[in-house]
Protein backbone atom coordinates (compact mmCIF):
# COMPACT_ATOMS: atom_id res chain seq x y z
CA MET A 1 -22.06 -1.45 144.71
CA ASP A 2 -21.88 2.06 143.45
CA GLY A 3 -21.54 2.67 139.80
CA ALA A 4 -17.77 1.98 139.84
CA GLU A 5 -17.71 -1.68 140.08
CA VAL A 6 -14.36 -3.35 139.32
CA GLU A 7 -14.34 -6.68 137.77
CA PRO A 8 -11.83 -9.03 139.33
CA ASP A 9 -10.59 -10.38 135.94
CA ALA A 10 -10.02 -6.92 134.38
CA VAL A 11 -6.50 -6.06 133.54
CA THR A 12 -5.43 -2.56 133.88
CA GLU A 13 -3.09 -1.38 131.16
CA PRO A 14 -0.23 0.84 132.08
CA PRO A 15 -0.21 4.33 130.58
CA ALA A 16 1.34 4.59 127.06
CA GLU A 17 4.35 6.47 128.33
CA GLU A 18 5.38 3.57 130.62
CA THR A 19 4.88 1.04 127.79
CA ASP A 20 7.18 3.02 125.49
CA VAL A 21 9.90 3.29 128.21
CA VAL A 22 9.63 -0.54 128.94
CA GLU A 23 9.81 -1.36 125.26
CA GLU A 24 12.82 0.89 124.78
CA ALA A 25 14.59 -0.69 127.75
CA GLU A 26 13.82 -4.17 126.47
CA GLY A 27 15.27 -3.15 123.07
CA VAL A 28 18.50 -1.84 124.69
CA LEU A 29 18.79 -5.01 126.73
CA LEU A 30 18.22 -7.15 123.69
CA GLU A 31 20.94 -5.27 121.78
CA ASP A 32 23.32 -5.60 124.71
CA THR A 33 22.59 -9.31 124.88
CA ILE A 34 23.26 -9.78 121.21
CA ASP A 35 26.56 -7.79 121.58
CA TYR A 36 27.65 -10.00 124.49
CA GLU A 37 26.74 -13.21 122.63
CA ALA A 38 28.79 -12.10 119.65
CA LEU A 39 31.71 -11.22 121.94
CA ALA A 40 31.47 -14.61 123.68
CA GLN A 41 31.47 -16.38 120.31
CA GLU A 42 34.50 -14.34 119.21
CA ARG A 43 36.38 -15.16 122.46
CA THR A 44 35.48 -18.85 122.11
CA ALA A 45 36.82 -18.92 118.59
CA ASP A 46 40.03 -17.17 119.81
CA LEU A 47 40.47 -19.67 122.56
CA GLN A 48 40.00 -22.58 120.20
CA ARG A 49 42.53 -21.15 117.75
CA VAL A 50 45.07 -20.64 120.52
CA GLN A 51 44.55 -24.20 121.72
CA ALA A 52 45.01 -25.54 118.20
CA GLU A 53 48.25 -23.46 117.77
CA TYR A 54 49.58 -24.79 121.10
CA SER A 55 48.80 -28.35 120.11
CA ASN A 56 50.58 -27.88 116.81
CA TYR A 57 53.53 -26.27 118.53
CA LYS A 58 53.86 -29.22 120.90
CA LYS A 59 53.79 -31.68 117.96
CA ARG A 60 56.38 -29.64 116.04
CA VAL A 61 58.69 -29.42 119.04
CA ASP A 62 58.43 -33.22 119.64
CA ARG A 63 59.09 -33.90 115.94
CA ASP A 64 62.05 -31.47 115.87
CA ARG A 65 63.46 -33.01 119.08
CA GLY A 66 63.40 -36.49 117.46
CA LEU A 67 65.01 -35.22 114.26
CA ALA A 68 67.71 -33.47 116.17
CA LYS A 69 68.46 -36.64 118.11
CA ARG A 70 68.59 -38.80 114.96
CA SER A 71 70.82 -36.21 113.29
CA GLY A 72 73.24 -36.22 116.31
CA VAL A 73 73.41 -39.99 116.32
CA GLU A 74 73.90 -40.07 112.56
CA SER A 75 76.72 -37.61 112.83
CA VAL A 76 78.53 -39.68 115.46
CA MET A 77 78.04 -42.93 113.53
CA ALA A 78 79.36 -41.29 110.34
CA ASP A 79 82.49 -40.20 112.25
CA LEU A 80 82.94 -43.79 113.43
CA LEU A 81 82.88 -45.28 109.92
CA PRO A 82 86.64 -44.86 109.23
CA VAL A 83 87.37 -46.57 112.56
CA LEU A 84 85.11 -49.40 111.70
CA ASP A 85 86.69 -49.73 108.24
CA ALA A 86 90.19 -49.92 109.79
CA ILE A 87 88.95 -52.46 112.35
CA GLN A 88 87.43 -54.59 109.60
CA LEU A 89 90.65 -54.51 107.52
CA ALA A 90 92.74 -55.46 110.50
CA ARG A 91 90.29 -58.26 111.36
CA GLU A 92 90.50 -59.65 107.78
CA HIS A 93 94.31 -59.73 107.99
CA ASN A 94 94.36 -61.27 111.53
CA ASP A 95 96.38 -58.43 112.89
CA LEU A 96 94.41 -58.09 116.11
CA ALA A 97 95.45 -59.20 119.54
CA GLU A 98 92.87 -60.98 121.65
CA GLY A 99 92.27 -57.97 123.89
CA SER A 100 91.72 -55.66 120.86
CA LYS A 101 89.11 -58.10 119.63
CA LEU A 102 87.12 -57.69 122.84
CA ILE A 103 87.25 -53.88 122.54
CA ILE A 104 86.25 -54.07 118.90
CA ASP A 105 83.31 -56.36 119.72
CA GLU A 106 82.11 -53.86 122.38
CA LEU A 107 82.40 -50.93 119.90
CA GLN A 108 80.36 -52.90 117.40
CA LYS A 109 77.71 -53.59 120.04
CA VAL A 110 77.35 -49.89 120.68
CA THR A 111 76.84 -49.13 117.03
CA VAL A 112 74.29 -51.86 116.71
CA LYS A 113 72.56 -50.50 119.83
CA HIS A 114 72.17 -47.12 118.17
CA GLY A 115 70.78 -48.70 115.01
CA LEU A 116 73.81 -48.87 112.76
CA ALA A 117 73.69 -51.90 110.44
CA THR A 118 76.20 -52.97 107.84
CA TYR A 119 75.12 -54.36 104.52
CA GLY A 120 76.60 -55.39 101.21
CA GLU A 121 77.03 -59.08 100.32
CA VAL A 122 78.46 -60.80 97.28
CA GLY A 123 75.65 -62.10 95.09
CA GLU A 124 73.01 -59.63 96.06
CA PRO A 125 71.35 -57.54 93.35
CA PHE A 126 72.96 -54.10 92.76
CA ASP A 127 70.79 -51.27 94.12
CA PRO A 128 72.02 -47.78 93.23
CA ALA A 129 70.24 -46.37 96.32
CA MET A 130 72.37 -48.66 98.56
CA HIS A 131 75.50 -49.50 96.57
CA GLU A 132 78.21 -47.48 94.88
CA ALA A 133 79.69 -49.40 91.85
CA LEU A 134 83.43 -48.69 91.72
CA MET A 135 84.16 -51.17 89.05
CA GLN A 136 82.76 -53.80 86.74
CA MET A 137 83.94 -57.37 86.63
CA PRO A 138 83.05 -60.27 84.45
CA ALA A 139 80.62 -62.66 86.13
CA GLU A 140 81.90 -66.15 87.00
CA GLU A 141 78.34 -67.46 86.35
CA PRO A 142 75.72 -65.91 84.14
CA VAL A 143 73.54 -63.39 86.10
CA GLU A 144 70.01 -62.08 85.19
CA VAL A 145 70.43 -58.66 86.87
CA VAL A 146 73.31 -56.41 87.74
CA THR A 147 74.89 -58.28 90.71
CA VAL A 148 77.50 -57.46 93.37
CA THR A 149 80.62 -59.56 92.78
CA GLN A 150 82.90 -58.01 95.31
CA VAL A 151 82.37 -55.81 98.41
CA ILE A 152 85.27 -53.34 98.65
CA GLN A 153 83.74 -51.48 101.62
CA PRO A 154 80.53 -52.44 103.45
CA GLY A 155 77.67 -49.99 103.38
CA TYR A 156 76.13 -48.59 106.60
CA ALA A 157 72.52 -47.74 107.33
CA LEU A 158 71.28 -46.06 110.51
CA GLN A 159 67.80 -47.09 111.40
CA GLY A 160 67.05 -48.00 107.82
CA ARG A 161 68.51 -44.83 106.32
CA VAL A 162 71.68 -45.20 104.19
CA ILE A 163 74.51 -43.09 105.61
CA ARG A 164 77.14 -44.58 103.35
CA PRO A 165 76.54 -46.82 100.34
CA ALA A 166 78.37 -50.10 99.99
CA ARG A 167 81.32 -49.67 97.63
CA VAL A 168 81.21 -52.71 95.31
CA ALA A 169 82.28 -54.29 92.13
CA VAL A 170 79.40 -55.49 89.88
CA ALA A 171 78.76 -57.88 87.03
CA ASN A 172 76.29 -57.11 84.30
CA PRO A 173 73.96 -59.74 82.77
């Protein structure tokens, strides 16, 4: 061939101007990519934060709903306490007709269904969180701890929470 032979493996380099333009374009693209990655990370963090807030909101609403329900039931049961006291007094004095006894039994079933329990027995240890001592009496037998000797009014607890302490007489050791 003539004096201008071209080697097949020879790489031709683009002119310097083209190289500068390509490098500049690559730099701009790299900066844009970094900006978009940062934006994507920021949006992902925002999304995770919103999801966590929503989850906490749902938990709080569920908890508040349960508290409101318990508070409502407790309020109703507290209003029923004088009725239950009157029923108990009438029952102790045998002043109830047979039909009234059936109604009373049904009312007591409803209160038990909603978690109302009565407590306060003669002979149990006095607990200031559950009992209200109205008087002190001498013990018929020696006692080792402050003990309930008479229940004046039973105590009521709703689902394990005292809504009225038992009013009692106690004996000291």
